[in-house]
Amino acid sequence: MGQKDLYQSDFYEDNRRFVDVFNGVLFAGREVVKPWELQEADSVIVSLSKENQGKKVICDKIRKWKENYISLMVLENQSYIDYGMVFRVMETEALGYNKQKKQRFLEQKGSGSEFNGDEYLSQMKKGEKFTPIITLVLYLGKNIIWDGETNLYEMLELDEDLKPYVNNFRLNLFDYHNYENFDVFQTENRLLFEILSNADDKKK
């Protein structure tokens, strides 16, 4: 992990800043998520299936909030646009749900819970509910506006006749270049984004 990654990791270890990003980007500044409502969560998402050969994905920051997982993927001072970000987040979230499913099944087996044939083969009970995963991509690339796709439809050669039958996937992505002011942020995030936005303007 480079020095820049260590810095951002420490910066968003503070739950005030962590929730401030989500409230500012997803909820237009409304204090929907509260710092004291967060719980620690494992930042390593591991697929336990043989097909994925134990594939591991590490997210920058994950917290549990009201039985939901909120995940922050910070692209700090990135010198290039990750044009595959839609695929990357799709895969990360899919692995996260698969991990939940596998862990739940192992816990239920261990406690002696009974399964019918279909449930055992599915490795989950009929109607079982899992924890939502919400990922926010925080793009802090200097002088490079994000010009990559932000949803799956934009990445497909998709005939309009087929569109209703193809599931879309949309990124929650923040790029400070697209903001004129940062009043929706209440913590040091506002100062950070203002500094980045005006980095080449010596007067400002």
N, C-alpha and C. Protein backbone atom coordinates (compact mmCIF):
# COMPACT_ATOMS: atom_id res chain seq x y z
N MET A 1 0.85 -1.20 0.00
CA MET A 1 0.00 0.00 0.00
C MET A 1 0.88 1.23 0.00
N GLY A 2 0.69 2.16 -0.95
CA GLY A 2 1.50 3.36 -1.05
C GLY A 2 1.16 4.37 0.02
N GLN A 3 2.01 5.43 0.10
CA GLN A 3 1.80 6.46 1.11
C GLN A 3 0.47 7.17 0.92
N LYS A 4 0.07 7.42 -0.34
CA LYS A 4 -1.20 8.09 -0.59
C LYS A 4 -2.37 7.24 -0.12
N ASP A 5 -2.27 5.91 -0.35
CA ASP A 5 -3.33 5.02 0.10
C ASP A 5 -3.42 4.99 1.61
N LEU A 6 -2.24 5.03 2.28
CA LEU A 6 -2.24 5.08 3.73
C LEU A 6 -2.91 6.34 4.23
N TYR A 7 -2.65 7.47 3.54
CA TYR A 7 -3.24 8.74 3.96
C TYR A 7 -4.75 8.71 3.85
N GLN A 8 -5.26 8.26 2.70
CA GLN A 8 -6.71 8.24 2.54
C GLN A 8 -7.34 7.25 3.50
N SER A 9 -6.62 6.16 3.79
CA SER A 9 -7.15 5.18 4.72
C SER A 9 -7.34 5.78 6.09
N ASP A 10 -6.35 6.55 6.54
CA ASP A 10 -6.45 7.22 7.84
C ASP A 10 -7.53 8.29 7.82
N PHE A 11 -7.63 9.03 6.73
CA PHE A 11 -8.57 10.14 6.63
C PHE A 11 -10.00 9.65 6.79
N TYR A 12 -10.33 8.54 6.15
CA TYR A 12 -11.70 8.03 6.21
C TYR A 12 -11.91 6.97 7.30
N GLU A 13 -10.90 6.83 8.16
CA GLU A 13 -11.10 6.04 9.37
C GLU A 13 -12.02 6.79 10.33
N ASP A 14 -12.03 8.11 10.19
CA ASP A 14 -12.91 8.97 11.00
C ASP A 14 -14.35 8.80 10.50
N ASN A 15 -15.22 8.31 11.36
CA ASN A 15 -16.61 8.05 10.94
C ASN A 15 -17.36 9.32 10.55
N ARG A 16 -16.97 10.46 11.10
CA ARG A 16 -17.62 11.73 10.70
C ARG A 16 -17.40 12.00 9.22
N ARG A 17 -16.16 11.86 8.79
CA ARG A 17 -15.84 12.10 7.38
C ARG A 17 -16.46 11.03 6.49
N PHE A 18 -16.44 9.80 6.98
CA PHE A 18 -16.99 8.68 6.21
C PHE A 18 -18.47 8.92 5.91
N VAL A 19 -19.27 9.22 6.94
CA VAL A 19 -20.71 9.41 6.71
C VAL A 19 -20.97 10.71 5.96
N ASP A 20 -20.09 11.69 6.13
CA ASP A 20 -20.28 12.97 5.45
C ASP A 20 -20.23 12.81 3.94
N VAL A 21 -19.36 11.93 3.45
CA VAL A 21 -19.29 11.67 2.01
C VAL A 21 -20.60 11.07 1.52
N PHE A 22 -21.10 10.07 2.22
CA PHE A 22 -22.35 9.43 1.81
C PHE A 22 -23.53 10.39 1.88
N ASN A 23 -23.61 11.16 2.97
CA ASN A 23 -24.71 12.12 3.11
C ASN A 23 -24.64 13.21 2.05
N GLY A 24 -23.43 13.66 1.74
CA GLY A 24 -23.28 14.72 0.74
C GLY A 24 -23.59 14.27 -0.66
N VAL A 25 -23.10 13.08 -1.03
CA VAL A 25 -23.25 12.59 -2.41
C VAL A 25 -24.61 11.94 -2.64
N LEU A 26 -25.02 11.07 -1.74
CA LEU A 26 -26.24 10.29 -1.96
C LEU A 26 -27.50 11.00 -1.47
N PHE A 27 -27.36 11.83 -0.44
CA PHE A 27 -28.55 12.41 0.18
C PHE A 27 -28.54 13.94 0.18
N ALA A 28 -27.77 14.54 -0.73
CA ALA A 28 -27.75 16.00 -0.93
C ALA A 28 -27.49 16.76 0.37
N GLY A 29 -26.69 16.19 1.25
CA GLY A 29 -26.31 16.89 2.47
C GLY A 29 -27.18 16.59 3.67
N ARG A 30 -28.31 15.90 3.47
CA ARG A 30 -29.16 15.55 4.62
C ARG A 30 -28.43 14.52 5.49
N GLU A 31 -28.51 14.68 6.78
CA GLU A 31 -27.79 13.79 7.70
C GLU A 31 -28.58 12.51 7.93
N VAL A 32 -28.63 11.69 6.88
CA VAL A 32 -29.36 10.43 6.95
C VAL A 32 -28.56 9.40 7.74
N VAL A 33 -27.25 9.33 7.45
CA VAL A 33 -26.36 8.40 8.16
C VAL A 33 -25.67 9.17 9.28
N LYS A 34 -25.69 8.61 10.49
CA LYS A 34 -25.06 9.25 11.66
C LYS A 34 -23.79 8.48 12.02
N PRO A 35 -22.73 9.21 12.42
CA PRO A 35 -21.47 8.53 12.75
C PRO A 35 -21.61 7.46 13.82
N TRP A 36 -22.42 7.72 14.83
CA TRP A 36 -22.55 6.78 15.94
C TRP A 36 -23.38 5.54 15.58
N GLU A 37 -23.97 5.55 14.39
CA GLU A 37 -24.76 4.40 13.96
C GLU A 37 -23.91 3.34 13.25
N LEU A 38 -22.64 3.66 13.00
CA LEU A 38 -21.78 2.76 12.24
C LEU A 38 -21.15 1.69 13.12
N GLN A 39 -20.96 0.53 12.52
CA GLN A 39 -20.24 -0.57 13.15
C GLN A 39 -19.12 -1.02 12.23
N GLU A 40 -18.05 -1.53 12.81
CA GLU A 40 -16.93 -2.03 12.01
C GLU A 40 -17.39 -3.23 11.17
N ALA A 41 -16.79 -3.36 10.00
CA ALA A 41 -17.09 -4.49 9.12
C ALA A 41 -15.81 -4.92 8.42
N ASP A 42 -15.75 -6.17 8.06
CA ASP A 42 -14.58 -6.74 7.39
C ASP A 42 -14.41 -6.10 6.02
N SER A 43 -13.22 -5.56 5.75
CA SER A 43 -12.98 -4.91 4.46
C SER A 43 -12.59 -5.88 3.37
N VAL A 44 -12.44 -7.16 3.74
CA VAL A 44 -12.08 -8.17 2.75
C VAL A 44 -13.32 -8.96 2.36
N ILE A 45 -13.65 -8.93 1.08
CA ILE A 45 -14.78 -9.70 0.56
C ILE A 45 -14.21 -10.91 -0.16
N VAL A 46 -14.52 -12.09 0.33
CA VAL A 46 -13.94 -13.32 -0.21
C VAL A 46 -15.04 -14.20 -0.76
N SER A 47 -14.87 -14.66 -1.98
CA SER A 47 -15.76 -15.67 -2.52
C SER A 47 -15.30 -17.03 -2.04
N LEU A 48 -16.22 -17.79 -1.46
CA LEU A 48 -15.87 -19.10 -0.93
C LEU A 48 -16.13 -20.22 -1.93
N SER A 49 -16.58 -19.87 -3.13
CA SER A 49 -16.93 -20.91 -4.10
C SER A 49 -15.68 -21.41 -4.82
N LYS A 50 -15.68 -22.70 -5.17
CA LYS A 50 -14.54 -23.27 -5.87
C LYS A 50 -14.38 -22.66 -7.25
N GLU A 51 -15.52 -22.27 -7.85
CA GLU A 51 -15.47 -21.73 -9.22
C GLU A 51 -14.61 -20.47 -9.27
N ASN A 52 -14.68 -19.64 -8.20
CA ASN A 52 -13.92 -18.40 -8.17
C ASN A 52 -12.54 -18.58 -7.54
N GLN A 53 -12.21 -19.81 -7.14
CA GLN A 53 -10.90 -20.15 -6.61
C GLN A 53 -10.50 -19.21 -5.47
N GLY A 54 -11.46 -18.93 -4.60
CA GLY A 54 -11.14 -18.10 -3.44
C GLY A 54 -10.77 -16.68 -3.80
N LYS A 55 -11.36 -16.13 -4.83
CA LYS A 55 -11.02 -14.78 -5.25
C LYS A 55 -11.27 -13.79 -4.14
N LYS A 56 -10.32 -12.86 -3.94
CA LYS A 56 -10.42 -11.91 -2.84
C LYS A 56 -10.44 -10.49 -3.38
N VAL A 57 -11.34 -9.67 -2.85
CA VAL A 57 -11.41 -8.25 -3.20
C VAL A 57 -11.35 -7.46 -1.91
N ILE A 58 -10.48 -6.45 -1.87
CA ILE A 58 -10.37 -5.61 -0.69
C ILE A 58 -10.95 -4.23 -1.01
N CYS A 59 -11.95 -3.81 -0.25
CA CYS A 59 -12.52 -2.47 -0.39
C CYS A 59 -11.80 -1.52 0.55
N ASP A 60 -11.75 -0.25 0.20
CA ASP A 60 -11.02 0.71 1.02
C ASP A 60 -11.61 0.82 2.42
N LYS A 61 -12.90 1.02 2.50
CA LYS A 61 -13.57 1.15 3.79
C LYS A 61 -14.96 0.54 3.71
N ILE A 62 -15.30 -0.27 4.68
CA ILE A 62 -16.66 -0.80 4.77
C ILE A 62 -17.14 -0.62 6.20
N ARG A 63 -18.35 -0.14 6.35
CA ARG A 63 -18.99 -0.05 7.66
C ARG A 63 -20.37 -0.68 7.56
N LYS A 64 -20.87 -1.14 8.68
CA LYS A 64 -22.23 -1.65 8.73
C LYS A 64 -23.11 -0.57 9.35
N TRP A 65 -24.23 -0.28 8.68
CA TRP A 65 -25.12 0.79 9.12
C TRP A 65 -26.56 0.31 9.05
N LYS A 66 -27.20 0.18 10.20
CA LYS A 66 -28.60 -0.25 10.26
C LYS A 66 -28.83 -1.51 9.42
N GLU A 67 -27.98 -2.49 9.62
CA GLU A 67 -28.08 -3.77 8.90
C GLU A 67 -27.81 -3.65 7.41
N ASN A 68 -27.20 -2.54 6.99
CA ASN A 68 -26.76 -2.39 5.60
C ASN A 68 -25.25 -2.26 5.59
N TYR A 69 -24.62 -2.72 4.51
CA TYR A 69 -23.20 -2.48 4.33
C TYR A 69 -23.03 -1.25 3.44
N ILE A 70 -22.22 -0.29 3.90
CA ILE A 70 -21.89 0.85 3.05
C ILE A 70 -20.38 0.83 2.82
N SER A 71 -20.01 0.86 1.57
CA SER A 71 -18.63 0.65 1.16
C SER A 71 -18.12 1.86 0.40
N LEU A 72 -16.94 2.32 0.77
CA LEU A 72 -16.34 3.48 0.11
C LEU A 72 -15.11 3.02 -0.66
N MET A 73 -15.11 3.21 -1.97
CA MET A 73 -13.95 2.91 -2.81
C MET A 73 -13.33 4.23 -3.23
N VAL A 74 -12.17 4.54 -2.70
CA VAL A 74 -11.53 5.83 -2.94
C VAL A 74 -10.46 5.67 -4.01
N LEU A 75 -10.59 6.43 -5.09
CA LEU A 75 -9.59 6.45 -6.16
C LEU A 75 -8.80 7.74 -6.00
N GLU A 76 -7.75 7.69 -5.21
CA GLU A 76 -7.05 8.92 -4.83
C GLU A 76 -5.98 9.29 -5.83
N ASN A 77 -6.07 10.54 -6.34
CA ASN A 77 -5.06 11.08 -7.25
C ASN A 77 -4.72 10.11 -8.38
N GLN A 78 -5.73 9.44 -8.86
CA GLN A 78 -5.52 8.45 -9.91
C GLN A 78 -5.15 9.14 -11.21
N SER A 79 -4.13 8.62 -11.87
CA SER A 79 -3.65 9.26 -13.09
C SER A 79 -4.35 8.73 -14.33
N TYR A 80 -5.29 7.83 -14.14
CA TYR A 80 -6.04 7.30 -15.27
C TYR A 80 -7.47 7.01 -14.84
N ILE A 81 -8.35 6.94 -15.83
CA ILE A 81 -9.74 6.58 -15.56
C ILE A 81 -9.85 5.06 -15.65
N ASP A 82 -10.45 4.45 -14.66
CA ASP A 82 -10.68 3.00 -14.71
C ASP A 82 -11.98 2.78 -15.48
N TYR A 83 -11.85 2.51 -16.77
CA TYR A 83 -13.02 2.37 -17.62
C TYR A 83 -13.80 1.08 -17.33
N GLY A 84 -13.22 0.21 -16.54
CA GLY A 84 -13.92 -1.01 -16.16
C GLY A 84 -14.54 -0.92 -14.77
N MET A 85 -14.69 0.29 -14.24
CA MET A 85 -15.18 0.45 -12.87
C MET A 85 -16.57 -0.15 -12.67
N VAL A 86 -17.42 -0.06 -13.66
CA VAL A 86 -18.76 -0.66 -13.53
C VAL A 86 -18.63 -2.15 -13.26
N PHE A 87 -17.78 -2.83 -14.04
CA PHE A 87 -17.56 -4.27 -13.85
C PHE A 87 -16.94 -4.54 -12.48
N ARG A 88 -16.01 -3.69 -12.10
CA ARG A 88 -15.29 -3.88 -10.83
C ARG A 88 -16.24 -3.82 -9.63
N VAL A 89 -17.12 -2.83 -9.62
CA VAL A 89 -18.06 -2.70 -8.51
C VAL A 89 -19.10 -3.80 -8.56
N MET A 90 -19.57 -4.15 -9.76
CA MET A 90 -20.51 -5.27 -9.90
C MET A 90 -19.93 -6.54 -9.29
N GLU A 91 -18.67 -6.82 -9.64
CA GLU A 91 -18.03 -8.04 -9.15
C GLU A 91 -17.86 -7.99 -7.63
N THR A 92 -17.43 -6.84 -7.11
CA THR A 92 -17.22 -6.71 -5.67
C THR A 92 -18.51 -6.94 -4.90
N GLU A 93 -19.59 -6.34 -5.37
CA GLU A 93 -20.86 -6.51 -4.67
C GLU A 93 -21.38 -7.93 -4.80
N ALA A 94 -21.21 -8.53 -5.97
CA ALA A 94 -21.65 -9.92 -6.15
C ALA A 94 -20.89 -10.86 -5.22
N LEU A 95 -19.58 -10.65 -5.09
CA LEU A 95 -18.78 -11.46 -4.18
C LEU A 95 -19.23 -11.25 -2.74
N GLY A 96 -19.59 -10.00 -2.42
CA GLY A 96 -20.06 -9.70 -1.08
C GLY A 96 -21.35 -10.43 -0.74
N TYR A 97 -22.28 -10.47 -1.68
CA TYR A 97 -23.53 -11.20 -1.45
C TYR A 97 -23.27 -12.71 -1.36
N ASN A 98 -22.36 -13.19 -2.22
CA ASN A 98 -22.04 -14.62 -2.19
C ASN A 98 -21.40 -15.00 -0.85
N LYS A 99 -20.56 -14.12 -0.32
CA LYS A 99 -19.94 -14.37 0.98
C LYS A 99 -21.00 -14.46 2.08
N GLN A 100 -21.96 -13.53 2.05
CA GLN A 100 -23.05 -13.58 3.03
C GLN A 100 -23.80 -14.91 2.96
N LYS A 101 -24.12 -15.31 1.74
CA LYS A 101 -24.88 -16.54 1.52
C LYS A 101 -24.11 -17.76 2.07
N LYS A 102 -22.83 -17.85 1.75
CA LYS A 102 -22.02 -18.98 2.19
C LYS A 102 -21.90 -19.00 3.71
N GLN A 103 -21.63 -17.83 4.30
CA GLN A 103 -21.47 -17.77 5.74
C GLN A 103 -22.77 -18.14 6.46
N ARG A 104 -23.89 -17.63 5.94
CA ARG A 104 -25.18 -17.94 6.55
C ARG A 104 -25.46 -19.45 6.50
N PHE A 105 -25.16 -20.06 5.37
CA PHE A 105 -25.40 -21.49 5.21
C PHE A 105 -24.55 -22.30 6.19
N LEU A 106 -23.27 -21.95 6.31
CA LEU A 106 -22.39 -22.67 7.22
C LEU A 106 -22.84 -22.51 8.67
N GLU A 107 -23.29 -21.31 9.03
CA GLU A 107 -23.78 -21.07 10.40
C GLU A 107 -25.03 -21.90 10.68
N GLN A 108 -25.93 -21.95 9.70
CA GLN A 108 -27.17 -22.70 9.89
C GLN A 108 -26.91 -24.20 9.97
N LYS A 109 -25.99 -24.69 9.15
CA LYS A 109 -25.61 -26.11 9.22
C LYS A 109 -25.01 -26.44 10.58
N GLY A 110 -24.14 -25.54 11.05
CA GLY A 110 -23.48 -25.77 12.31
C GLY A 110 -24.43 -25.77 13.50
N SER A 111 -25.53 -25.03 13.37
CA SER A 111 -26.49 -24.96 14.47
C SER A 111 -27.56 -26.04 14.37
N GLY A 112 -27.45 -26.91 13.34
CA GLY A 112 -28.40 -28.01 13.20
C GLY A 112 -29.69 -27.63 12.52
N SER A 113 -29.72 -26.49 11.83
CA SER A 113 -30.92 -26.07 11.12
C SER A 113 -31.24 -27.06 10.00
N GLU A 114 -32.53 -27.30 9.78
CA GLU A 114 -32.95 -28.27 8.77
C GLU A 114 -33.20 -27.60 7.42
N PHE A 115 -32.82 -28.29 6.35
CA PHE A 115 -33.02 -27.82 4.98
C PHE A 115 -33.78 -28.88 4.19
N ASN A 116 -34.68 -28.43 3.30
CA ASN A 116 -35.24 -29.39 2.36
C ASN A 116 -34.24 -29.57 1.21
N GLY A 117 -34.55 -30.46 0.27
CA GLY A 117 -33.59 -30.78 -0.78
C GLY A 117 -33.17 -29.58 -1.61
N ASP A 118 -34.14 -28.78 -2.04
CA ASP A 118 -33.83 -27.61 -2.87
C ASP A 118 -33.01 -26.59 -2.09
N GLU A 119 -33.35 -26.39 -0.83
CA GLU A 119 -32.62 -25.42 0.00
C GLU A 119 -31.18 -25.86 0.21
N TYR A 120 -30.98 -27.16 0.43
CA TYR A 120 -29.61 -27.64 0.66
C TYR A 120 -28.76 -27.48 -0.60
N LEU A 121 -29.34 -27.81 -1.75
CA LEU A 121 -28.59 -27.65 -3.00
C LEU A 121 -28.34 -26.19 -3.33
N SER A 122 -29.28 -25.32 -2.95
CA SER A 122 -29.13 -23.88 -3.17
C SER A 122 -28.21 -23.25 -2.14
N GLN A 123 -27.99 -23.95 -1.05
CA GLN A 123 -27.22 -23.45 0.09
C GLN A 123 -27.83 -22.18 0.67
N MET A 124 -29.13 -22.14 0.70
CA MET A 124 -29.87 -21.06 1.35
C MET A 124 -31.33 -21.49 1.46
N LYS A 125 -32.01 -20.93 2.46
CA LYS A 125 -33.40 -21.25 2.68
C LYS A 125 -34.30 -20.43 1.76
N LYS A 126 -35.44 -20.98 1.43
CA LYS A 126 -36.40 -20.26 0.60
C LYS A 126 -36.82 -18.97 1.31
N GLY A 127 -36.80 -17.85 0.55
CA GLY A 127 -37.24 -16.56 1.08
C GLY A 127 -36.24 -15.88 2.00
N GLU A 128 -35.04 -16.40 2.10
CA GLU A 128 -34.04 -15.81 2.99
C GLU A 128 -33.61 -14.44 2.49
N LYS A 129 -33.41 -13.49 3.41
CA LYS A 129 -33.05 -12.12 3.06
C LYS A 129 -31.61 -11.84 3.49
N PHE A 130 -30.93 -11.02 2.68
CA PHE A 130 -29.53 -10.70 2.95
C PHE A 130 -29.33 -9.20 3.11
N THR A 131 -28.14 -8.85 3.56
CA THR A 131 -27.82 -7.45 3.86
C THR A 131 -27.46 -6.68 2.60
N PRO A 132 -28.12 -5.55 2.32
CA PRO A 132 -27.78 -4.74 1.14
C PRO A 132 -26.36 -4.20 1.20
N ILE A 133 -25.75 -4.03 0.04
CA ILE A 133 -24.42 -3.45 -0.07
C ILE A 133 -24.52 -2.19 -0.93
N ILE A 134 -24.11 -1.06 -0.39
CA ILE A 134 -24.14 0.22 -1.11
C ILE A 134 -22.70 0.69 -1.29
N THR A 135 -22.27 0.82 -2.52
CA THR A 135 -20.89 1.22 -2.81
C THR A 135 -20.87 2.64 -3.39
N LEU A 136 -19.99 3.47 -2.84
CA LEU A 136 -19.78 4.82 -3.36
C LEU A 136 -18.34 4.92 -3.86
N VAL A 137 -18.16 5.28 -5.11
CA VAL A 137 -16.84 5.48 -5.69
C VAL A 137 -16.48 6.95 -5.58
N LEU A 138 -15.43 7.24 -4.84
CA LEU A 138 -14.97 8.62 -4.63
C LEU A 138 -13.75 8.85 -5.51
N TYR A 139 -13.95 9.57 -6.61
CA TYR A 139 -12.88 9.77 -7.58
C TYR A 139 -12.20 11.11 -7.33
N LEU A 140 -10.90 11.07 -7.02
CA LEU A 140 -10.15 12.28 -6.69
C LEU A 140 -9.01 12.52 -7.67
N GLY A 141 -9.15 12.06 -8.90
CA GLY A 141 -8.10 12.24 -9.90
C GLY A 141 -7.87 13.72 -10.20
N LYS A 142 -6.63 14.15 -10.16
CA LYS A 142 -6.30 15.57 -10.37
C LYS A 142 -6.36 15.93 -11.85
N ASN A 143 -7.09 16.98 -12.16
CA ASN A 143 -7.16 17.57 -13.51
C ASN A 143 -7.73 16.63 -14.57
N ILE A 144 -8.26 15.51 -14.17
CA ILE A 144 -8.83 14.57 -15.13
C ILE A 144 -10.28 14.31 -14.75
N ILE A 145 -11.20 14.87 -15.53
CA ILE A 145 -12.62 14.65 -15.25
C ILE A 145 -12.99 13.22 -15.62
N TRP A 146 -13.79 12.60 -14.76
CA TRP A 146 -14.22 11.23 -15.04
C TRP A 146 -15.04 11.19 -16.32
N ASP A 147 -14.55 10.47 -17.32
CA ASP A 147 -15.28 10.35 -18.59
C ASP A 147 -15.60 8.90 -18.90
N GLY A 148 -15.49 8.04 -17.89
CA GLY A 148 -15.85 6.65 -18.07
C GLY A 148 -17.34 6.44 -17.92
N GLU A 149 -17.79 5.25 -18.28
CA GLU A 149 -19.20 4.92 -18.15
C GLU A 149 -19.58 4.80 -16.68
N THR A 150 -20.83 5.09 -16.38
CA THR A 150 -21.31 5.02 -15.01
C THR A 150 -22.45 4.01 -14.84
N ASN A 151 -22.80 3.31 -15.91
CA ASN A 151 -23.78 2.23 -15.77
C ASN A 151 -23.53 1.17 -16.84
N LEU A 152 -24.08 0.00 -16.63
CA LEU A 152 -23.81 -1.14 -17.49
C LEU A 152 -24.33 -0.94 -18.90
N TYR A 153 -25.51 -0.33 -19.05
CA TYR A 153 -26.07 -0.11 -20.39
C TYR A 153 -25.09 0.61 -21.30
N GLU A 154 -24.35 1.58 -20.74
CA GLU A 154 -23.41 2.36 -21.54
C GLU A 154 -22.24 1.52 -22.04
N MET A 155 -22.05 0.35 -21.45
CA MET A 155 -20.91 -0.49 -21.81
C MET A 155 -21.29 -1.63 -22.74
N LEU A 156 -22.55 -1.69 -23.12
CA LEU A 156 -23.02 -2.82 -23.93
C LEU A 156 -23.45 -2.37 -25.32
N GLU A 157 -23.22 -3.23 -26.30
CA GLU A 157 -23.81 -3.04 -27.62
C GLU A 157 -25.23 -3.59 -27.52
N LEU A 158 -26.14 -2.72 -27.15
CA LEU A 158 -27.45 -3.17 -26.71
C LEU A 158 -28.55 -2.73 -27.66
N ASP A 159 -29.21 -3.69 -28.26
CA ASP A 159 -30.35 -3.42 -29.13
C ASP A 159 -31.53 -2.97 -28.27
N GLU A 160 -32.25 -1.96 -28.71
CA GLU A 160 -33.38 -1.43 -27.94
C GLU A 160 -34.43 -2.49 -27.67
N ASP A 161 -34.59 -3.43 -28.58
CA ASP A 161 -35.57 -4.51 -28.37
C ASP A 161 -35.18 -5.41 -27.20
N LEU A 162 -33.85 -5.51 -26.95
CA LEU A 162 -33.38 -6.38 -25.87
C LEU A 162 -33.25 -5.66 -24.53
N LYS A 163 -33.22 -4.33 -24.58
CA LYS A 163 -32.95 -3.53 -23.37
C LYS A 163 -33.85 -3.88 -22.19
N PRO A 164 -35.16 -4.10 -22.39
CA PRO A 164 -36.01 -4.41 -21.24
C PRO A 164 -35.64 -5.70 -20.52
N TYR A 165 -34.85 -6.55 -21.18
CA TYR A 165 -34.54 -7.87 -20.62
C TYR A 165 -33.11 -7.95 -20.08
N VAL A 166 -32.35 -6.86 -20.20
CA VAL A 166 -30.97 -6.81 -19.70
C VAL A 166 -30.95 -5.95 -18.44
N ASN A 167 -30.51 -6.51 -17.34
CA ASN A 167 -30.46 -5.76 -16.09
C ASN A 167 -29.36 -4.70 -16.15
N ASN A 168 -29.68 -3.51 -15.70
CA ASN A 168 -28.69 -2.44 -15.67
C ASN A 168 -28.00 -2.43 -14.31
N PHE A 169 -26.83 -1.85 -14.25
CA PHE A 169 -26.11 -1.65 -12.99
C PHE A 169 -25.53 -0.25 -13.03
N ARG A 170 -25.78 0.54 -11.99
CA ARG A 170 -25.39 1.95 -11.99
C ARG A 170 -24.39 2.23 -10.88
N LEU A 171 -23.36 3.02 -11.20
CA LEU A 171 -22.38 3.43 -10.20
C LEU A 171 -22.90 4.60 -9.39
N ASN A 172 -22.61 4.58 -8.08
CA ASN A 172 -22.69 5.79 -7.26
C ASN A 172 -21.30 6.39 -7.28
N LEU A 173 -21.08 7.44 -8.07
CA LEU A 173 -19.74 7.97 -8.28
C LEU A 173 -19.71 9.47 -8.01
N PHE A 174 -18.70 9.90 -7.26
CA PHE A 174 -18.49 11.33 -6.99
C PHE A 174 -17.20 11.78 -7.66
N ASP A 175 -17.30 12.85 -8.46
CA ASP A 175 -16.14 13.48 -9.08
C ASP A 175 -16.22 14.97 -8.75
N TYR A 176 -15.29 15.46 -7.95
CA TYR A 176 -15.34 16.86 -7.49
C TYR A 176 -15.29 17.86 -8.64
N HIS A 177 -14.79 17.44 -9.81
CA HIS A 177 -14.74 18.36 -10.95
C HIS A 177 -16.13 18.83 -11.37
N ASN A 178 -17.15 18.05 -11.06
CA ASN A 178 -18.51 18.36 -11.50
C ASN A 178 -19.29 19.22 -10.51
N TYR A 179 -18.63 19.67 -9.44
CA TYR A 179 -19.28 20.48 -8.41
C TYR A 179 -18.77 21.91 -8.48
N GLU A 180 -19.67 22.88 -8.38
CA GLU A 180 -19.27 24.28 -8.30
C GLU A 180 -19.00 24.70 -6.86
N ASN A 181 -19.69 24.10 -5.91
CA ASN A 181 -19.39 24.33 -4.50
C ASN A 181 -19.62 23.01 -3.76
N PHE A 182 -19.16 23.01 -2.52
CA PHE A 182 -19.19 21.77 -1.75
C PHE A 182 -19.94 21.96 -0.44
N ASP A 183 -21.00 22.76 -0.49
CA ASP A 183 -21.76 23.08 0.70
C ASP A 183 -22.51 21.89 1.29
N VAL A 184 -22.67 20.83 0.51
CA VAL A 184 -23.39 19.65 1.02
C VAL A 184 -22.53 18.85 2.00
N PHE A 185 -21.25 19.19 2.09
CA PHE A 185 -20.35 18.48 3.00
C PHE A 185 -20.12 19.32 4.26
N GLN A 186 -20.12 18.66 5.41
CA GLN A 186 -20.08 19.35 6.69
C GLN A 186 -18.77 19.19 7.45
N THR A 187 -17.89 18.33 6.98
CA THR A 187 -16.63 18.06 7.70
C THR A 187 -15.45 18.54 6.84
N GLU A 188 -14.26 18.04 7.18
CA GLU A 188 -13.06 18.40 6.44
C GLU A 188 -13.12 17.97 4.98
N ASN A 189 -14.10 17.16 4.62
CA ASN A 189 -14.28 16.81 3.20
C ASN A 189 -14.45 18.06 2.35
N ARG A 190 -15.19 19.03 2.87
CA ARG A 190 -15.42 20.25 2.10
C ARG A 190 -14.09 20.93 1.76
N LEU A 191 -13.22 21.05 2.76
CA LEU A 191 -11.92 21.68 2.54
C LEU A 191 -11.08 20.86 1.57
N LEU A 192 -11.09 19.56 1.73
CA LEU A 192 -10.33 18.69 0.84
C LEU A 192 -10.75 18.88 -0.61
N PHE A 193 -12.05 18.86 -0.86
CA PHE A 193 -12.54 18.98 -2.23
C PHE A 193 -12.30 20.39 -2.79
N GLU A 194 -12.38 21.40 -1.94
CA GLU A 194 -12.10 22.77 -2.38
C GLU A 194 -10.63 22.92 -2.77
N ILE A 195 -9.75 22.32 -1.97
CA ILE A 195 -8.31 22.38 -2.29
C ILE A 195 -8.01 21.68 -3.60
N LEU A 196 -8.58 20.50 -3.78
CA LEU A 196 -8.38 19.77 -5.03
C LEU A 196 -8.94 20.53 -6.22
N SER A 197 -10.10 21.13 -6.04
CA SER A 197 -10.75 21.85 -7.13
C SER A 197 -9.98 23.07 -7.55
N ASN A 198 -9.27 23.71 -6.60
CA ASN A 198 -8.57 24.97 -6.88
C ASN A 198 -7.05 24.81 -6.85
N ALA A 199 -6.58 23.59 -6.98
CA ALA A 199 -5.15 23.32 -6.82
C ALA A 199 -4.28 24.08 -7.81
N ASP A 200 -4.80 24.36 -8.99
CA ASP A 200 -4.00 25.04 -10.01
C ASP A 200 -4.27 26.53 -10.08
N ASP A 201 -5.09 27.03 -9.18
CA ASP A 201 -5.39 28.45 -9.14
C ASP A 201 -4.68 29.07 -7.94
N LYS A 202 -3.51 29.66 -8.14
CA LYS A 202 -2.69 30.17 -7.03
C LYS A 202 -3.43 31.26 -6.25
N LYS A 203 -4.20 32.06 -6.93
CA LYS A 203 -4.93 33.14 -6.26
C LYS A 203 -5.94 32.56 -5.27
N LYS A 204 -6.72 31.58 -5.72
CA LYS A 204 -7.70 30.97 -4.83
C LYS A 204 -7.01 30.23 -3.69
